[in-house]
């Protein structure tokens, strides 16, 4: 399943990103999440399909979460992941 997604970056937390269906934009994102995330800053739009390589997320998982809850929140890597070399996929 392919989906056109919009990716937003958080102005409050480095390396935190929000993926949403481009057509629905931020409609499905809870207000409480947006309050914590800050004013979403658009980064890019892309056609996402399972198997596409993403830096820190699995495309199939991103698509599944967008389909189920309307968004996917990518958190910054933990210090332990960075030290272990897992900060980038």
PDB file of N, CA and C in Angstrom:
ATOM      1  N   UNK A   1       0.839  -1.184   0.000  1.00  0.00           N
ATOM      2  CA  UNK A   1       0.000   0.000   0.000  1.00  0.00           C
ATOM      3  C   UNK A   1       0.881   1.243   0.000  1.00  0.00           C
ATOM      4  N   UNK A   2       0.662   2.108  -0.935  1.00  0.00           N
ATOM      5  CA  UNK A   2       1.395   3.371  -1.019  1.00  0.00           C
ATOM      6  C   UNK A   2       0.535   4.476  -0.435  1.00  0.00           C
ATOM      7  N   UNK A   3       1.218   5.491   0.081  1.00  0.00           N
ATOM      8  CA  UNK A   3       0.490   6.638   0.639  1.00  0.00           C
ATOM      9  C   UNK A   3       1.366   7.876   0.478  1.00  0.00           C
ATOM     10  N   UNK A   4       0.742   8.981   0.097  1.00  0.00           N
ATOM     11  CA  UNK A   4       1.442  10.257   0.039  1.00  0.00           C
ATOM     12  C   UNK A   4       1.439  10.829   1.445  1.00  0.00           C
ATOM     13  N   UNK A   5       2.621  11.014   2.018  1.00  0.00           N
ATOM     14  CA  UNK A   5       2.721  11.490   3.392  1.00  0.00           C
ATOM     15  C   UNK A   5       3.412  12.850   3.457  1.00  0.00           C
ATOM     16  N   UNK A   6       3.059  13.575   4.489  1.00  0.00           N
ATOM     17  CA  UNK A   6       3.705  14.845   4.821  1.00  0.00           C
ATOM     18  C   UNK A   6       4.470  14.622   6.108  1.00  0.00           C
ATOM     19  N   UNK A   7       5.695  15.093   6.145  1.00  0.00           N
ATOM     20  CA  UNK A   7       6.525  14.961   7.340  1.00  0.00           C
ATOM     21  C   UNK A   7       6.736  16.356   7.924  1.00  0.00           C
ATOM     22  N   UNK A   8       6.526  16.447   9.248  1.00  0.00           N
ATOM     23  CA  UNK A   8       6.730  17.693   9.972  1.00  0.00           C
ATOM     24  C   UNK A   8       7.813  17.497  11.021  1.00  0.00           C
ATOM     25  N   UNK A   9       8.530  18.544  11.305  1.00  0.00           N
ATOM     26  CA  UNK A   9       9.554  18.521  12.344  1.00  0.00           C
ATOM     27  C   UNK A   9       9.064  19.343  13.521  1.00  0.00           C
ATOM     28  N   UNK A  10       9.487  18.907  14.711  1.00  0.00           N
ATOM     29  CA  UNK A  10       9.120  19.636  15.920  1.00  0.00           C
ATOM     30  C   UNK A  10      10.111  20.768  16.162  1.00  0.00           C
ATOM     31  N   UNK A  11       9.618  21.969  16.453  1.00  0.00           N
ATOM     32  CA  UNK A  11      10.518  23.062  16.787  1.00  0.00           C
ATOM     33  C   UNK A  11      11.025  22.974  18.231  1.00  0.00           C
ATOM     34  N   UNK A  12      10.410  22.106  19.021  1.00  0.00           N
ATOM     35  CA  UNK A  12      10.757  22.000  20.438  1.00  0.00           C
ATOM     36  C   UNK A  12      11.735  20.883  20.765  1.00  0.00           C
ATOM     37  N   UNK A  13      11.755  19.844  19.944  1.00  0.00           N
ATOM     38  CA  UNK A  13      12.582  18.675  20.255  1.00  0.00           C
ATOM     39  C   UNK A  13      13.341  18.274  19.002  1.00  0.00           C
ATOM     40  N   UNK A  14      14.663  18.352  19.060  1.00  0.00           N
ATOM     41  CA  UNK A  14      15.497  17.985  17.916  1.00  0.00           C
ATOM     42  C   UNK A  14      15.246  16.538  17.521  1.00  0.00           C
ATOM     43  N   UNK A  15      15.167  16.308  16.245  1.00  0.00           N
ATOM     44  CA  UNK A  15      15.016  14.975  15.654  1.00  0.00           C
ATOM     45  C   UNK A  15      13.699  14.287  15.989  1.00  0.00           C
ATOM     46  N   UNK A  16      12.675  15.050  16.315  1.00  0.00           N
ATOM     47  CA  UNK A  16      11.324  14.507  16.497  1.00  0.00           C
ATOM     48  C   UNK A  16      10.512  14.893  15.263  1.00  0.00           C
ATOM     49  N   UNK A  17       9.886  13.882  14.633  1.00  0.00           N
ATOM     50  CA  UNK A  17       9.143  14.099  13.395  1.00  0.00           C
ATOM     51  C   UNK A  17       7.759  13.483  13.483  1.00  0.00           C
ATOM     52  N   UNK A  18       6.827  14.078  12.776  1.00  0.00           N
ATOM     53  CA  UNK A  18       5.457  13.611  12.716  1.00  0.00           C
ATOM     54  C   UNK A  18       5.126  13.326  11.251  1.00  0.00           C
ATOM     55  N   UNK A  19       4.709  12.093  10.966  1.00  0.00           N
ATOM     56  CA  UNK A  19       4.316  11.670   9.618  1.00  0.00           C
ATOM     57  C   UNK A  19       2.795  11.578   9.589  1.00  0.00           C
ATOM     58  N   UNK A  20       2.174  12.166   8.574  1.00  0.00           N
ATOM     59  CA  UNK A  20       0.714  12.114   8.425  1.00  0.00           C
ATOM     60  C   UNK A  20       0.352  11.915   6.958  1.00  0.00           C
ATOM     61  N   UNK A  21      -0.871  11.475   6.722  1.00  0.00           N
ATOM     62  CA  UNK A  21      -1.386  11.382   5.359  1.00  0.00           C
ATOM     63  C   UNK A  21      -1.519  12.810   4.826  1.00  0.00           C
ATOM     64  N   UNK A  22      -0.974  13.063   3.669  1.00  0.00           N
ATOM     65  CA  UNK A  22      -0.955  14.431   3.127  1.00  0.00           C
ATOM     66  C   UNK A  22      -2.367  14.995   2.956  1.00  0.00           C
ATOM     67  N   UNK A  23      -3.323  14.176   2.534  1.00  0.00           N
ATOM     68  CA  UNK A  23      -4.689  14.665   2.317  1.00  0.00           C
ATOM     69  C   UNK A  23      -5.363  15.088   3.626  1.00  0.00           C
ATOM     70  N   UNK A  24      -5.117  14.355   4.684  1.00  0.00           N
ATOM     71  CA  UNK A  24      -5.773  14.645   5.969  1.00  0.00           C
ATOM     72  C   UNK A  24      -4.974  15.629   6.812  1.00  0.00           C
ATOM     73  N   UNK A  25      -3.720  15.813   6.454  1.00  0.00           N
ATOM     74  CA  UNK A  25      -2.830  16.739   7.173  1.00  0.00           C
ATOM     75  C   UNK A  25      -2.829  16.426   8.666  1.00  0.00           C
ATOM     76  N   UNK A  26      -3.059  17.405   9.492  1.00  0.00           N
ATOM     77  CA  UNK A  26      -2.971  17.230  10.950  1.00  0.00           C
ATOM     78  C   UNK A  26      -4.327  16.946  11.607  1.00  0.00           C
ATOM     79  N   UNK A  27      -5.345  16.645  10.816  1.00  0.00           N
ATOM     80  CA  UNK A  27      -6.699  16.426  11.336  1.00  0.00           C
ATOM     81  C   UNK A  27      -6.774  15.334  12.402  1.00  0.00           C
ATOM     82  N   UNK A  28      -5.988  14.272  12.255  1.00  0.00           N
ATOM     83  CA  UNK A  28      -6.080  13.121  13.158  1.00  0.00           C
ATOM     84  C   UNK A  28      -5.096  13.174  14.329  1.00  0.00           C
ATOM     85  N   UNK A  29      -4.296  14.209  14.394  1.00  0.00           N
ATOM     86  CA  UNK A  29      -3.299  14.320  15.460  1.00  0.00           C
ATOM     87  C   UNK A  29      -3.954  14.940  16.688  1.00  0.00           C
ATOM     88  N   UNK A  30      -3.888  14.268  17.830  1.00  0.00           N
ATOM     89  CA  UNK A  30      -4.514  14.811  19.048  1.00  0.00           C
ATOM     90  C   UNK A  30      -3.933  16.167  19.436  1.00  0.00           C
ATOM     91  N   UNK A  31      -4.803  17.031  19.937  1.00  0.00           N
ATOM     92  CA  UNK A  31      -4.376  18.365  20.369  1.00  0.00           C
ATOM     93  C   UNK A  31      -3.294  18.289  21.446  1.00  0.00           C
ATOM     94  N   UNK A  32      -3.400  17.297  22.330  1.00  0.00           N
ATOM     95  CA  UNK A  32      -2.401  17.158  23.392  1.00  0.00           C
ATOM     96  C   UNK A  32      -1.014  16.868  22.816  1.00  0.00           C
ATOM     97  N   UNK A  33      -0.956  16.083  21.754  1.00  0.00           N
ATOM     98  CA  UNK A  33       0.332  15.808  21.102  1.00  0.00           C
ATOM     99  C   UNK A  33       0.861  17.067  20.431  1.00  0.00           C
ATOM    100  N   UNK A  34      -0.001  17.793  19.749  1.00  0.00           N
ATOM    101  CA  UNK A  34       0.430  19.028  19.091  1.00  0.00           C
ATOM    102  C   UNK A  34       0.923  20.061  20.098  1.00  0.00           C
ATOM    103  N   UNK A  35       0.316  20.094  21.274  1.00  0.00           N
ATOM    104  CA  UNK A  35       0.756  21.039  22.303  1.00  0.00           C
ATOM    105  C   UNK A  35       2.175  20.711  22.753  1.00  0.00           C
ATOM    106  N   UNK A  36       2.486  19.440  22.870  1.00  0.00           N
ATOM    107  CA  UNK A  36       3.832  19.007  23.263  1.00  0.00           C
ATOM    108  C   UNK A  36       4.811  19.151  22.111  1.00  0.00           C
ATOM    109  N   UNK A  37       4.369  18.805  20.907  1.00  0.00           N
ATOM    110  CA  UNK A  37       5.204  18.807  19.700  1.00  0.00           C
ATOM    111  C   UNK A  37       5.617  20.225  19.304  1.00  0.00           C
ATOM    112  N   UNK A  38       4.720  21.176  19.499  1.00  0.00           N
ATOM    113  CA  UNK A  38       4.954  22.544  19.045  1.00  0.00           C
ATOM    114  C   UNK A  38       4.340  22.747  17.674  1.00  0.00           C
ATOM    115  N   UNK A  39       4.469  23.927  17.127  1.00  0.00           N
ATOM    116  CA  UNK A  39       3.911  24.243  15.804  1.00  0.00           C
ATOM    117  C   UNK A  39       4.634  23.396  14.753  1.00  0.00           C
ATOM    118  N   UNK A  40       3.944  22.419  14.131  1.00  0.00           N
ATOM    119  CA  UNK A  40       4.599  21.546  13.156  1.00  0.00           C
ATOM    120  C   UNK A  40       5.193  22.331  11.985  1.00  0.00           C
ATOM    121  N   UNK A  41       6.427  22.039  11.668  1.00  0.00           N
ATOM    122  CA  UNK A  41       7.126  22.692  10.562  1.00  0.00           C
ATOM    123  C   UNK A  41       7.298  21.687   9.435  1.00  0.00           C
ATOM    124  N   UNK A  42       6.668  21.945   8.275  1.00  0.00           N
ATOM    125  CA  UNK A  42       6.759  20.992   7.167  1.00  0.00           C
ATOM    126  C   UNK A  42       8.204  20.798   6.722  1.00  0.00           C
ATOM    127  N   UNK A  43       8.565  19.538   6.512  1.00  0.00           N
ATOM    128  CA  UNK A  43       9.919  19.205   6.072  1.00  0.00           C
ATOM    129  C   UNK A  43       9.889  18.696   4.635  1.00  0.00           C
ATOM    130  N   UNK A  44       9.016  17.705   4.376  1.00  0.00           N
ATOM    131  CA  UNK A  44       8.922  17.158   3.033  1.00  0.00           C
ATOM    132  C   UNK A  44       7.653  16.360   2.850  1.00  0.00           C
ATOM    133  N   UNK A  45       7.299  16.176   1.590  1.00  0.00           N
ATOM    134  CA  UNK A  45       6.212  15.282   1.195  1.00  0.00           C
ATOM    135  C   UNK A  45       6.855  14.182   0.381  1.00  0.00           C
ATOM    136  N   UNK A  46       6.337  12.954   0.537  1.00  0.00           N
ATOM    137  CA  UNK A  46       6.894  11.844  -0.236  1.00  0.00           C
ATOM    138  C   UNK A  46       5.862  10.754  -0.406  1.00  0.00           C
ATOM    139  N   UNK A  47       6.038   9.977  -1.453  1.00  0.00           N
ATOM    140  CA  UNK A  47       5.233   8.788  -1.664  1.00  0.00           C
ATOM    141  C   UNK A  47       5.912   7.682  -0.882  1.00  0.00           C
ATOM    142  N   UNK A  48       5.222   7.173   0.119  1.00  0.00           N
ATOM    143  CA  UNK A  48       5.804   6.161   0.989  1.00  0.00           C
ATOM    144  C   UNK A  48       5.158   4.817   0.711  1.00  0.00           C
ATOM    145  N   UNK A  49       5.989   3.800   0.600  1.00  0.00           N
ATOM    146  CA  UNK A  49       5.508   2.440   0.401  1.00  0.00           C
ATOM    147  C   UNK A  49       6.367   1.497   1.225  1.00  0.00           C
ATOM    148  N   UNK A  50       5.825   0.332   1.599  1.00  0.00           N
ATOM    149  CA  UNK A  50       6.610  -0.622   2.382  1.00  0.00           C
ATOM    150  C   UNK A  50       7.911  -0.940   1.650  1.00  0.00           C
ATOM    151  N   UNK A  51       8.968  -1.077   2.404  1.00  0.00           N
ATOM    152  CA  UNK A  51      10.261  -1.388   1.805  1.00  0.00           C
ATOM    153  C   UNK A  51      11.116  -0.174   1.505  1.00  0.00           C
ATOM    154  N   UNK A  52      10.510   1.013   1.505  1.00  0.00           N
ATOM    155  CA  UNK A  52      11.312   2.222   1.270  1.00  0.00           C
ATOM    156  C   UNK A  52      12.213   2.450   2.474  1.00  0.00           C
ATOM    157  N   UNK A  53      13.451   2.795   2.200  1.00  0.00           N
ATOM    158  CA  UNK A  53      14.413   3.019   3.279  1.00  0.00           C
ATOM    159  C   UNK A  53      14.211   4.411   3.865  1.00  0.00           C
ATOM    160  N   UNK A  54      14.014   4.430   5.171  1.00  0.00           N
ATOM    161  CA  UNK A  54      13.925   5.682   5.922  1.00  0.00           C
ATOM    162  C   UNK A  54      15.061   5.695   6.933  1.00  0.00           C
ATOM    163  N   UNK A  55      15.499   6.863   7.330  1.00  0.00           N
ATOM    164  CA  UNK A  55      16.655   6.988   8.219  1.00  0.00           C
ATOM    165  C   UNK A  55      16.456   6.306   9.568  1.00  0.00           C
ATOM    166  N   UNK A  56      15.328   6.530  10.213  1.00  0.00           N
ATOM    167  CA  UNK A  56      15.141   6.006  11.572  1.00  0.00           C
ATOM    168  C   UNK A  56      13.801   5.336  11.801  1.00  0.00           C
ATOM    169  N   UNK A  57      13.152   4.935  10.758  1.00  0.00           N
ATOM    170  CA  UNK A  57      11.844   4.296  10.910  1.00  0.00           C
ATOM    171  C   UNK A  57      11.668   3.227   9.843  1.00  0.00           C
ATOM    172  N   UNK A  58      10.795   2.291  10.121  1.00  0.00           N
ATOM    173  CA  UNK A  58      10.446   1.251   9.173  1.00  0.00           C
ATOM    174  C   UNK A  58       9.214   1.734   8.401  1.00  0.00           C
ATOM    175  N   UNK A  59       9.319   1.814   7.082  1.00  0.00           N
ATOM    176  CA  UNK A  59       8.245   2.364   6.256  1.00  0.00           C
ATOM    177  C   UNK A  59       6.921   1.621   6.459  1.00  0.00           C
ATOM    178  N   UNK A  60       6.971   0.302   6.572  1.00  0.00           N
ATOM    179  CA  UNK A  60       5.744  -0.478   6.768  1.00  0.00           C
ATOM    180  C   UNK A  60       5.080  -0.114   8.098  1.00  0.00           C
ATOM    181  N   UNK A  61       5.879   0.089   9.124  1.00  0.00           N
ATOM    182  CA  UNK A  61       5.346   0.464  10.435  1.00  0.00           C
ATOM    183  C   UNK A  61       4.752   1.875  10.385  1.00  0.00           C
ATOM    184  N   UNK A  62       5.428   2.786   9.701  1.00  0.00           N
ATOM    185  CA  UNK A  62       4.919   4.153   9.550  1.00  0.00           C
ATOM    186  C   UNK A  62       3.554   4.118   8.863  1.00  0.00           C
ATOM    187  N   UNK A  63       3.462   3.382   7.761  1.00  0.00           N
ATOM    188  CA  UNK A  63       2.205   3.288   7.027  1.00  0.00           C
ATOM    189  C   UNK A  63       1.097   2.658   7.871  1.00  0.00           C
ATOM    190  N   UNK A  64       1.443   1.616   8.620  1.00  0.00           N
ATOM    191  CA  UNK A  64       0.451   0.950   9.467  1.00  0.00           C
ATOM    192  C   UNK A  64      -0.093   1.896  10.526  1.00  0.00           C
ATOM    193  N   UNK A  65       0.782   2.635  11.174  1.00  0.00           N
ATOM    194  CA  UNK A  65       0.325   3.557  12.224  1.00  0.00           C
ATOM    195  C   UNK A  65      -0.482   4.716  11.658  1.00  0.00           C
ATOM    196  N   UNK A  66      -0.099   5.204  10.486  1.00  0.00           N
ATOM    197  CA  UNK A  66      -0.898   6.265   9.864  1.00  0.00           C
ATOM    198  C   UNK A  66      -2.290   5.722   9.541  1.00  0.00           C
ATOM    199  N   UNK A  67      -2.350   4.491   9.039  1.00  0.00           N
ATOM    200  CA  UNK A  67      -3.636   3.881   8.730  1.00  0.00           C
ATOM    201  C   UNK A  67      -4.496   3.643   9.961  1.00  0.00           C
ATOM    202  N   UNK A  68      -3.873   3.262  11.071  1.00  0.00           N
ATOM    203  CA  UNK A  68      -4.607   2.941  12.295  1.00  0.00           C
ATOM    204  C   UNK A  68      -4.985   4.168  13.122  1.00  0.00           C
ATOM    205  N   UNK A  69      -4.028   5.090  13.309  1.00  0.00           N
ATOM    206  CA  UNK A  69      -4.295   6.218  14.208  1.00  0.00           C
ATOM    207  C   UNK A  69      -4.218   7.577  13.532  1.00  0.00           C
ATOM    208  N   UNK A  70      -3.815   7.607  12.263  1.00  0.00           N
ATOM    209  CA  UNK A  70      -3.784   8.868  11.525  1.00  0.00           C
ATOM    210  C   UNK A  70      -2.458   9.593  11.547  1.00  0.00           C
ATOM    211  N   UNK A  71      -1.469   9.058  12.277  1.00  0.00           N
ATOM    212  CA  UNK A  71      -0.152   9.691  12.333  1.00  0.00           C
ATOM    213  C   UNK A  71       0.882   8.693  12.833  1.00  0.00           C
ATOM    214  N   UNK A  72       2.142   9.033  12.608  1.00  0.00           N
ATOM    215  CA  UNK A  72       3.270   8.275  13.157  1.00  0.00           C
ATOM    216  C   UNK A  72       4.214   9.299  13.771  1.00  0.00           C
ATOM    217  N   UNK A  73       4.572   9.101  15.028  1.00  0.00           N
ATOM    218  CA  UNK A  73       5.485  10.006  15.716  1.00  0.00           C
ATOM    219  C   UNK A  73       6.853   9.347  15.806  1.00  0.00           C
ATOM    220  N   UNK A  74       7.845   9.966  15.191  1.00  0.00           N
ATOM    221  CA  UNK A  74       9.217   9.471  15.252  1.00  0.00           C
ATOM    222  C   UNK A  74       9.950  10.228  16.350  1.00  0.00           C
ATOM    223  N   UNK A  75      10.357   9.501  17.361  1.00  0.00           N
ATOM    224  CA  UNK A  75      11.063  10.092  18.491  1.00  0.00           C
ATOM    225  C   UNK A  75      12.557  10.192  18.186  1.00  0.00           C
ATOM    226  N   UNK A  76      13.264  11.104  18.856  1.00  0.00           N
ATOM    227  CA  UNK A  76      14.712  11.192  18.690  1.00  0.00           C
ATOM    228  C   UNK A  76      15.371   9.905  19.193  1.00  0.00           C
ATOM    229  N   UNK A  77      16.542   9.573  18.655  1.00  0.00           N
ATOM    230  CA  UNK A  77      17.233   8.379  19.151  1.00  0.00           C
ATOM    231  C   UNK A  77      17.676   8.597  20.596  1.00  0.00           C
ATOM    232  N   UNK A  78      17.701   7.514  21.355  1.00  0.00           N
ATOM    233  CA  UNK A  78      18.172   7.621  22.740  1.00  0.00           C
ATOM    234  C   UNK A  78      19.689   7.700  22.748  1.00  0.00           C
ATOM    235  N   UNK A  79      20.243   8.167  23.833  1.00  0.00           N
ATOM    236  CA  UNK A  79      21.698   8.253  23.976  1.00  0.00           C
ATOM    237  C   UNK A  79      22.312   6.864  23.833  1.00  0.00           C
ATOM    238  N   UNK A  80      21.664   5.852  24.408  1.00  0.00           N
ATOM    239  CA  UNK A  80      22.175   4.482  24.321  1.00  0.00           C
ATOM    240  C   UNK A  80      22.238   4.002  22.869  1.00  0.00           C
ATOM    241  N   UNK A  81      21.210   4.353  22.069  1.00  0.00           N
ATOM    242  CA  UNK A  81      21.218   3.970  20.654  1.00  0.00           C
ATOM    243  C   UNK A  81      22.340   4.658  19.894  1.00  0.00           C
ATOM    244  N   UNK A  82      22.559   5.927  20.184  1.00  0.00           N
ATOM    245  CA  UNK A  82      23.623   6.675  19.507  1.00  0.00           C
ATOM    246  C   UNK A  82      24.980   6.085  19.849  1.00  0.00           C
ATOM    247  N   UNK A  83      25.205   5.800  21.119  1.00  0.00           N
ATOM    248  CA  UNK A  83      26.476   5.212  21.563  1.00  0.00           C
ATOM    249  C   UNK A  83      26.692   3.844  20.933  1.00  0.00           C
ATOM    250  N   UNK A  84      25.605   3.065  20.795  1.00  0.00           N
ATOM    251  CA  UNK A  84      25.711   1.724  20.232  1.00  0.00           C
ATOM    252  C   UNK A  84      25.732   1.744  18.707  1.00  0.00           C
ATOM    253  N   UNK A  85      25.639   2.932  18.111  1.00  0.00           N
ATOM    254  CA  UNK A  85      25.656   3.040  16.649  1.00  0.00           C
ATOM    255  C   UNK A  85      24.320   2.748  16.003  1.00  0.00           C
ATOM    256  N   UNK A  86      23.244   2.784  16.784  1.00  0.00           N
ATOM    257  CA  UNK A  86      21.923   2.499  16.261  1.00  0.00           C
ATOM    258  C   UNK A  86      21.119   3.780  16.006  1.00  0.00           C
ATOM    259  N   UNK A  87      21.735   4.917  16.104  1.00  0.00           N
ATOM    260  CA  UNK A  87      21.031   6.182  15.913  1.00  0.00           C
ATOM    261  C   UNK A  87      20.513   6.364  14.516  1.00  0.00           C
ATOM    262  N   UNK A  88      21.202   5.803  13.530  1.00  0.00           N
ATOM    263  CA  UNK A  88      20.763   5.846  12.129  1.00  0.00           C
ATOM    264  C   UNK A  88      20.522   4.424  11.683  1.00  0.00           C
ATOM    265  N   UNK A  89      19.491   4.276  10.869  1.00  0.00           N
ATOM    266  CA  UNK A  89      19.184   2.938  10.361  1.00  0.00           C
ATOM    267  C   UNK A  89      19.895   2.714   9.061  1.00  0.00           C
TER     268      UNK A  89
END
